[in-house]
N, C-alpha and C. Protein backbone atom coordinates (compact mmCIF):
# COMPACT_ATOMS: atom_id res chain seq x y z
N MET A 1 0.85 -1.18 0.00
CA MET A 1 0.00 0.00 0.00
C MET A 1 0.89 1.24 0.00
N ASN A 2 0.53 2.22 -0.78
CA ASN A 2 1.27 3.47 -0.85
C ASN A 2 0.99 4.36 0.36
N GLU A 3 1.92 5.30 0.59
CA GLU A 3 1.67 6.30 1.63
C GLU A 3 0.61 7.27 1.15
N ALA A 4 -0.09 7.87 2.08
CA ALA A 4 -1.12 8.85 1.73
C ALA A 4 -0.46 10.09 1.14
N ILE A 5 -1.15 10.71 0.19
CA ILE A 5 -0.69 11.97 -0.38
C ILE A 5 -0.85 13.04 0.68
N LEU A 6 0.14 13.88 0.82
CA LEU A 6 0.14 14.84 1.91
C LEU A 6 -0.32 16.24 1.52
N SER A 7 -0.24 16.59 0.27
CA SER A 7 -0.58 17.97 -0.09
C SER A 7 -1.56 18.01 -1.27
N GLU A 8 -2.21 19.15 -1.40
CA GLU A 8 -3.10 19.35 -2.54
C GLU A 8 -2.32 19.31 -3.85
N GLU A 9 -1.12 19.85 -3.82
CA GLU A 9 -0.29 19.85 -5.03
C GLU A 9 0.03 18.43 -5.47
N GLN A 10 0.36 17.56 -4.53
CA GLN A 10 0.64 16.17 -4.87
C GLN A 10 -0.62 15.47 -5.39
N GLN A 11 -1.75 15.80 -4.78
CA GLN A 11 -3.03 15.24 -5.22
C GLN A 11 -3.28 15.66 -6.67
N ARG A 12 -3.06 16.93 -6.96
CA ARG A 12 -3.26 17.44 -8.32
C ARG A 12 -2.29 16.77 -9.29
N GLN A 13 -1.05 16.59 -8.89
CA GLN A 13 -0.06 15.94 -9.75
C GLN A 13 -0.47 14.51 -10.09
N GLU A 14 -0.98 13.79 -9.10
CA GLU A 14 -1.46 12.43 -9.35
C GLU A 14 -2.65 12.44 -10.31
N PHE A 15 -3.53 13.43 -10.16
CA PHE A 15 -4.67 13.55 -11.06
C PHE A 15 -4.18 13.76 -12.50
N VAL A 16 -3.24 14.67 -12.67
CA VAL A 16 -2.70 14.97 -14.01
C VAL A 16 -2.06 13.71 -14.59
N LEU A 17 -1.29 12.99 -13.79
CA LEU A 17 -0.64 11.77 -14.27
C LEU A 17 -1.65 10.70 -14.68
N SER A 18 -2.79 10.65 -14.00
CA SER A 18 -3.79 9.63 -14.31
C SER A 18 -4.75 10.04 -15.42
N PHE A 19 -4.71 11.31 -15.82
CA PHE A 19 -5.66 11.83 -16.81
C PHE A 19 -5.28 11.34 -18.20
N ASP A 20 -6.27 10.86 -18.93
CA ASP A 20 -6.01 10.32 -20.26
C ASP A 20 -7.11 10.75 -21.23
N SER A 21 -6.83 11.82 -21.98
CA SER A 21 -7.78 12.29 -22.97
C SER A 21 -7.02 13.00 -24.08
N LYS A 22 -7.27 12.61 -25.31
CA LYS A 22 -6.62 13.28 -26.43
C LYS A 22 -7.33 14.57 -26.80
N ASP A 23 -8.58 14.72 -26.37
CA ASP A 23 -9.38 15.90 -26.72
C ASP A 23 -9.32 17.00 -25.67
N GLU A 24 -8.69 16.72 -24.53
CA GLU A 24 -8.64 17.71 -23.45
C GLU A 24 -7.21 17.86 -22.95
N LYS A 25 -6.89 19.07 -22.55
CA LYS A 25 -5.59 19.38 -21.97
C LYS A 25 -5.81 19.95 -20.58
N LEU A 26 -4.83 19.72 -19.70
CA LEU A 26 -4.89 20.22 -18.33
C LEU A 26 -3.82 21.28 -18.11
N PHE A 27 -4.19 22.30 -17.33
CA PHE A 27 -3.27 23.40 -17.03
C PHE A 27 -3.36 23.72 -15.55
N CYS A 28 -2.20 23.75 -14.89
CA CYS A 28 -2.13 24.02 -13.46
C CYS A 28 -2.00 25.51 -13.18
N GLU A 29 -2.61 25.92 -12.07
CA GLU A 29 -2.47 27.29 -11.55
C GLU A 29 -2.75 28.36 -12.60
N VAL A 30 -3.94 28.33 -13.14
CA VAL A 30 -4.36 29.31 -14.15
C VAL A 30 -4.91 30.55 -13.43
N PRO A 31 -4.35 31.73 -13.75
CA PRO A 31 -4.81 32.95 -13.07
C PRO A 31 -6.21 33.37 -13.50
N VAL A 32 -7.04 33.65 -12.50
CA VAL A 32 -8.38 34.17 -12.71
C VAL A 32 -8.65 35.17 -11.59
N PHE A 33 -8.97 36.40 -11.97
CA PHE A 33 -9.16 37.47 -11.01
C PHE A 33 -7.87 37.61 -10.18
N CYS A 34 -7.97 37.61 -8.89
CA CYS A 34 -6.81 37.81 -8.02
C CYS A 34 -6.27 36.50 -7.45
N ARG A 35 -6.60 35.39 -8.07
CA ARG A 35 -6.17 34.09 -7.56
C ARG A 35 -5.86 33.16 -8.72
N SER A 36 -5.56 31.94 -8.41
CA SER A 36 -5.36 30.98 -9.49
C SER A 36 -6.20 29.73 -9.22
N ILE A 37 -6.63 29.14 -10.30
CA ILE A 37 -7.42 27.91 -10.24
C ILE A 37 -6.44 26.74 -10.17
N ASP A 38 -6.70 25.78 -9.31
CA ASP A 38 -5.78 24.65 -9.16
C ASP A 38 -5.51 23.97 -10.49
N LEU A 39 -6.58 23.68 -11.23
CA LEU A 39 -6.43 22.99 -12.50
C LEU A 39 -7.55 23.42 -13.44
N VAL A 40 -7.19 23.66 -14.69
CA VAL A 40 -8.18 23.98 -15.71
C VAL A 40 -8.12 22.91 -16.79
N LYS A 41 -9.29 22.37 -17.11
CA LYS A 41 -9.41 21.39 -18.18
C LYS A 41 -9.96 22.13 -19.40
N TYR A 42 -9.24 22.06 -20.51
CA TYR A 42 -9.62 22.76 -21.74
C TYR A 42 -9.93 21.73 -22.81
N ASN A 43 -11.18 21.74 -23.31
CA ASN A 43 -11.59 20.81 -24.35
C ASN A 43 -11.22 21.40 -25.70
N LEU A 44 -10.31 20.74 -26.40
CA LEU A 44 -9.80 21.24 -27.69
C LEU A 44 -10.85 21.20 -28.78
N ILE A 45 -11.86 20.36 -28.64
CA ILE A 45 -12.91 20.23 -29.65
C ILE A 45 -14.02 21.26 -29.44
N THR A 46 -14.55 21.33 -28.23
CA THR A 46 -15.70 22.19 -27.96
C THR A 46 -15.31 23.59 -27.49
N GLY A 47 -14.08 23.74 -26.99
CA GLY A 47 -13.66 25.02 -26.42
C GLY A 47 -14.16 25.24 -25.01
N ASN A 48 -14.81 24.24 -24.42
CA ASN A 48 -15.29 24.36 -23.04
C ASN A 48 -14.12 24.33 -22.07
N ILE A 49 -14.26 25.09 -20.99
CA ILE A 49 -13.25 25.10 -19.95
C ILE A 49 -13.90 24.74 -18.61
N THR A 50 -13.16 23.95 -17.84
CA THR A 50 -13.63 23.47 -16.55
C THR A 50 -12.62 23.84 -15.48
N ALA A 51 -13.09 24.44 -14.40
CA ALA A 51 -12.24 24.72 -13.24
C ALA A 51 -12.34 23.54 -12.29
N ILE A 52 -11.18 23.07 -11.82
CA ILE A 52 -11.15 21.97 -10.86
C ILE A 52 -10.36 22.44 -9.63
N GLU A 53 -11.01 22.39 -8.47
CA GLU A 53 -10.37 22.76 -7.22
C GLU A 53 -10.09 21.50 -6.41
N PHE A 54 -8.91 21.43 -5.84
CA PHE A 54 -8.48 20.29 -5.03
C PHE A 54 -8.42 20.72 -3.57
N LYS A 55 -8.86 19.84 -2.71
CA LYS A 55 -8.79 20.09 -1.27
C LYS A 55 -8.47 18.79 -0.55
N ARG A 56 -7.64 18.88 0.46
CA ARG A 56 -7.33 17.74 1.33
C ARG A 56 -8.39 17.64 2.42
N LYS A 57 -8.86 18.79 2.88
CA LYS A 57 -9.88 18.86 3.93
C LYS A 57 -10.82 19.99 3.56
N ASP A 58 -11.89 20.10 4.26
CA ASP A 58 -12.85 21.20 4.09
C ASP A 58 -13.43 21.25 2.68
N TRP A 59 -14.18 20.22 2.33
CA TRP A 59 -14.77 20.13 1.01
C TRP A 59 -15.73 21.30 0.73
N LYS A 60 -16.32 21.87 1.78
CA LYS A 60 -17.21 23.02 1.58
C LYS A 60 -16.43 24.22 1.06
N ARG A 61 -15.19 24.36 1.51
CA ARG A 61 -14.35 25.45 1.02
C ARG A 61 -14.02 25.24 -0.46
N ALA A 62 -13.81 24.00 -0.87
CA ALA A 62 -13.56 23.70 -2.28
C ALA A 62 -14.75 24.13 -3.13
N ILE A 63 -15.94 23.86 -2.65
CA ILE A 63 -17.15 24.28 -3.36
C ILE A 63 -17.20 25.79 -3.47
N ASN A 64 -16.95 26.48 -2.36
CA ASN A 64 -16.97 27.95 -2.38
C ASN A 64 -15.93 28.53 -3.32
N GLN A 65 -14.74 27.95 -3.34
CA GLN A 65 -13.70 28.43 -4.25
C GLN A 65 -14.12 28.25 -5.70
N ALA A 66 -14.72 27.13 -6.01
CA ALA A 66 -15.19 26.90 -7.38
C ALA A 66 -16.29 27.90 -7.74
N LEU A 67 -17.21 28.11 -6.83
CA LEU A 67 -18.31 29.03 -7.12
C LEU A 67 -17.84 30.47 -7.31
N CYS A 68 -16.73 30.85 -6.66
CA CYS A 68 -16.21 32.22 -6.79
C CYS A 68 -15.75 32.54 -8.20
N VAL A 69 -15.45 31.53 -9.00
CA VAL A 69 -14.98 31.77 -10.38
C VAL A 69 -15.97 31.21 -11.41
N SER A 70 -17.16 30.90 -10.96
CA SER A 70 -18.13 30.23 -11.83
C SER A 70 -18.46 31.03 -13.08
N ILE A 71 -18.41 32.35 -13.02
CA ILE A 71 -18.79 33.15 -14.20
C ILE A 71 -17.74 33.09 -15.31
N CYS A 72 -16.60 32.46 -15.04
CA CYS A 72 -15.52 32.37 -16.03
C CYS A 72 -15.43 31.01 -16.71
N PHE A 73 -16.21 30.04 -16.25
CA PHE A 73 -16.04 28.67 -16.72
C PHE A 73 -17.36 28.05 -17.16
N ASP A 74 -17.24 27.08 -18.07
CA ASP A 74 -18.42 26.33 -18.51
C ASP A 74 -18.84 25.30 -17.48
N TYR A 75 -17.86 24.74 -16.78
CA TYR A 75 -18.13 23.70 -15.79
C TYR A 75 -17.23 23.90 -14.57
N LEU A 76 -17.72 23.41 -13.43
CA LEU A 76 -16.97 23.47 -12.17
C LEU A 76 -16.90 22.07 -11.59
N GLU A 77 -15.72 21.72 -11.05
CA GLU A 77 -15.55 20.43 -10.40
C GLU A 77 -14.65 20.59 -9.18
N ILE A 78 -14.80 19.66 -8.25
CA ILE A 78 -13.87 19.61 -7.11
C ILE A 78 -13.35 18.18 -7.00
N CYS A 79 -12.19 18.06 -6.37
CA CYS A 79 -11.59 16.76 -6.12
C CYS A 79 -11.15 16.72 -4.67
N VAL A 80 -11.68 15.76 -3.94
CA VAL A 80 -11.39 15.64 -2.51
C VAL A 80 -11.13 14.17 -2.17
N PRO A 81 -10.41 13.92 -1.07
CA PRO A 81 -10.23 12.52 -0.65
C PRO A 81 -11.59 11.85 -0.40
N LYS A 82 -11.64 10.59 -0.73
CA LYS A 82 -12.87 9.81 -0.53
C LYS A 82 -13.23 9.82 0.95
N PRO A 83 -14.47 10.21 1.27
CA PRO A 83 -14.89 10.26 2.68
C PRO A 83 -14.87 8.88 3.32
N LYS A 84 -14.65 8.89 4.62
CA LYS A 84 -14.59 7.63 5.36
C LYS A 84 -15.98 7.09 5.71
N THR A 85 -16.98 7.98 5.75
CA THR A 85 -18.32 7.53 6.11
C THR A 85 -19.31 7.78 4.96
N GLU A 86 -20.31 6.93 4.90
CA GLU A 86 -21.36 7.08 3.89
C GLU A 86 -22.13 8.38 4.09
N LYS A 87 -22.33 8.75 5.35
CA LYS A 87 -23.08 9.98 5.65
C LYS A 87 -22.38 11.20 5.04
N THR A 88 -21.07 11.30 5.22
CA THR A 88 -20.32 12.42 4.66
C THR A 88 -20.32 12.35 3.14
N LYS A 89 -20.15 11.17 2.60
CA LYS A 89 -20.19 10.99 1.15
C LYS A 89 -21.50 11.50 0.57
N GLU A 90 -22.60 11.12 1.17
CA GLU A 90 -23.92 11.55 0.69
C GLU A 90 -24.11 13.07 0.82
N LYS A 91 -23.62 13.65 1.92
CA LYS A 91 -23.70 15.10 2.08
C LYS A 91 -22.94 15.82 0.97
N MET A 92 -21.77 15.32 0.64
CA MET A 92 -20.96 15.94 -0.41
C MET A 92 -21.65 15.82 -1.77
N ILE A 93 -22.14 14.65 -2.07
CA ILE A 93 -22.81 14.43 -3.35
C ILE A 93 -24.05 15.31 -3.46
N THR A 94 -24.82 15.38 -2.38
CA THR A 94 -26.04 16.19 -2.37
C THR A 94 -25.72 17.67 -2.60
N GLU A 95 -24.73 18.19 -1.88
CA GLU A 95 -24.39 19.61 -2.01
C GLU A 95 -23.79 19.93 -3.38
N CYS A 96 -22.92 19.09 -3.87
CA CYS A 96 -22.34 19.33 -5.20
C CYS A 96 -23.42 19.26 -6.27
N SER A 97 -24.32 18.31 -6.15
CA SER A 97 -25.41 18.19 -7.10
C SER A 97 -26.29 19.44 -7.06
N ARG A 98 -26.59 19.91 -5.88
CA ARG A 98 -27.42 21.12 -5.72
C ARG A 98 -26.76 22.34 -6.36
N GLN A 99 -25.44 22.40 -6.29
CA GLN A 99 -24.69 23.54 -6.84
C GLN A 99 -24.29 23.34 -8.31
N GLY A 100 -24.51 22.13 -8.85
CA GLY A 100 -24.12 21.85 -10.24
C GLY A 100 -22.63 21.61 -10.41
N ILE A 101 -21.96 21.21 -9.34
CA ILE A 101 -20.52 21.02 -9.35
C ILE A 101 -20.20 19.53 -9.50
N GLY A 102 -19.29 19.22 -10.42
CA GLY A 102 -18.82 17.84 -10.58
C GLY A 102 -17.95 17.45 -9.41
N LEU A 103 -17.88 16.15 -9.14
CA LEU A 103 -17.18 15.68 -7.95
C LEU A 103 -16.33 14.46 -8.26
N TYR A 104 -15.04 14.56 -7.88
CA TYR A 104 -14.12 13.42 -7.92
C TYR A 104 -13.77 13.05 -6.48
N PHE A 105 -13.76 11.75 -6.21
CA PHE A 105 -13.21 11.27 -4.96
C PHE A 105 -11.85 10.67 -5.26
N TYR A 106 -10.93 10.90 -4.33
CA TYR A 106 -9.57 10.43 -4.49
C TYR A 106 -9.23 9.44 -3.39
N ASP A 107 -8.87 8.23 -3.79
CA ASP A 107 -8.38 7.23 -2.84
C ASP A 107 -6.90 7.51 -2.66
N GLU A 108 -6.56 8.14 -1.56
CA GLU A 108 -5.20 8.63 -1.36
C GLU A 108 -4.19 7.53 -1.04
N TYR A 109 -4.65 6.33 -0.82
CA TYR A 109 -3.72 5.23 -0.55
C TYR A 109 -3.41 4.42 -1.81
N HIS A 110 -4.33 4.45 -2.77
CA HIS A 110 -4.14 3.70 -4.00
C HIS A 110 -3.99 4.61 -5.23
N TYR A 111 -4.07 5.92 -5.01
CA TYR A 111 -3.91 6.92 -6.08
C TYR A 111 -4.93 6.71 -7.19
N ILE A 112 -6.17 6.49 -6.79
CA ILE A 112 -7.25 6.27 -7.76
C ILE A 112 -8.27 7.39 -7.64
N PHE A 113 -8.62 7.96 -8.78
CA PHE A 113 -9.64 9.01 -8.85
C PHE A 113 -10.91 8.42 -9.42
N THR A 114 -12.03 8.74 -8.78
CA THR A 114 -13.32 8.26 -9.25
C THR A 114 -14.24 9.45 -9.42
N LYS A 115 -14.75 9.62 -10.62
CA LYS A 115 -15.71 10.70 -10.86
C LYS A 115 -17.08 10.19 -10.43
N VAL A 116 -17.63 10.84 -9.40
CA VAL A 116 -18.90 10.37 -8.86
C VAL A 116 -20.08 11.26 -9.26
N LEU A 117 -19.77 12.44 -9.82
CA LEU A 117 -20.85 13.36 -10.20
C LEU A 117 -20.40 14.23 -11.37
N GLU A 118 -21.18 14.23 -12.42
CA GLU A 118 -20.90 15.09 -13.58
C GLU A 118 -21.35 16.52 -13.26
N PRO A 119 -20.61 17.52 -13.73
CA PRO A 119 -21.02 18.90 -13.48
C PRO A 119 -22.15 19.32 -14.43
N ALA A 120 -22.92 20.29 -13.97
CA ALA A 120 -23.93 20.92 -14.83
C ALA A 120 -23.26 22.10 -15.54
N LYS A 121 -23.77 22.45 -16.69
CA LYS A 121 -23.24 23.61 -17.42
C LYS A 121 -23.59 24.87 -16.64
N VAL A 122 -22.60 25.74 -16.50
CA VAL A 122 -22.82 27.02 -15.81
C VAL A 122 -23.71 27.89 -16.71
N ASN A 123 -24.74 28.48 -16.14
CA ASN A 123 -25.69 29.28 -16.91
C ASN A 123 -25.24 30.71 -17.17
N ASP A 124 -24.67 31.34 -16.18
CA ASP A 124 -24.35 32.76 -16.25
C ASP A 124 -22.84 32.95 -16.39
N ILE A 125 -22.36 33.05 -17.65
CA ILE A 125 -20.93 33.16 -17.91
C ILE A 125 -20.60 34.55 -18.41
N TRP A 126 -19.54 35.12 -17.88
CA TRP A 126 -19.02 36.40 -18.33
C TRP A 126 -18.06 36.09 -19.48
N GLU A 127 -18.53 36.26 -20.70
CA GLU A 127 -17.78 35.84 -21.89
C GLU A 127 -16.42 36.51 -22.00
N VAL A 128 -16.29 37.76 -21.57
CA VAL A 128 -15.01 38.46 -21.65
C VAL A 128 -13.96 37.74 -20.80
N GLN A 129 -14.33 37.39 -19.58
CA GLN A 129 -13.38 36.72 -18.70
C GLN A 129 -13.14 35.28 -19.15
N LYS A 130 -14.17 34.61 -19.64
CA LYS A 130 -13.99 33.25 -20.15
C LYS A 130 -13.01 33.27 -21.32
N THR A 131 -13.16 34.23 -22.21
CA THR A 131 -12.26 34.37 -23.35
C THR A 131 -10.83 34.60 -22.88
N SER A 132 -10.67 35.38 -21.83
CA SER A 132 -9.34 35.63 -21.27
C SER A 132 -8.70 34.33 -20.79
N VAL A 133 -9.46 33.50 -20.13
CA VAL A 133 -8.94 32.21 -19.65
C VAL A 133 -8.59 31.32 -20.84
N ILE A 134 -9.46 31.28 -21.83
CA ILE A 134 -9.21 30.45 -23.02
C ILE A 134 -7.96 30.94 -23.76
N GLU A 135 -7.79 32.24 -23.86
CA GLU A 135 -6.60 32.77 -24.52
C GLU A 135 -5.35 32.40 -23.73
N TYR A 136 -5.43 32.44 -22.42
CA TYR A 136 -4.29 32.07 -21.59
C TYR A 136 -3.90 30.60 -21.81
N VAL A 137 -4.88 29.70 -21.67
CA VAL A 137 -4.55 28.29 -21.83
C VAL A 137 -4.27 27.95 -23.30
N GLY A 138 -4.93 28.64 -24.21
CA GLY A 138 -4.67 28.43 -25.63
C GLY A 138 -3.22 28.77 -25.98
N GLY A 139 -2.70 29.80 -25.36
CA GLY A 139 -1.31 30.16 -25.57
C GLY A 139 -0.36 29.11 -25.05
N LEU A 140 -0.77 28.38 -24.03
CA LEU A 140 0.05 27.31 -23.48
C LEU A 140 0.00 26.04 -24.33
N VAL A 141 -1.09 25.89 -25.12
CA VAL A 141 -1.24 24.71 -25.97
C VAL A 141 -0.24 24.75 -27.12
N GLN A 142 0.05 25.95 -27.61
CA GLN A 142 0.94 26.09 -28.77
C GLN A 142 2.29 25.48 -28.58
């Protein structure tokens, strides 16, 4: 059995290493407003962008961080360690579903990511800021 991942950065690195898609690219620490998004997924075919926030603890904070940049992205997702109890798992799924946020659980001992909830499309997008994010990541694709 592997040791548990200790930091959000390591968690994100494992996610990037496990990601396998020819149509999507991942970008770490993308600047948006006065902060940076942990990971941005850019779909090369559709042009959709997804913000993904990683948290070791405090999954509610991950949701709040994602919601703070919702007007810049087509989709929002969070990635958190798999809860130890069914009650917590259900609370997380219920809240993410209510907010339209996609959810990944991370098994920190086996380095396995499981997508448990697909995100809903964000309705109210500020196209100017979304374009800015796309131009930033598009420049990195070249």
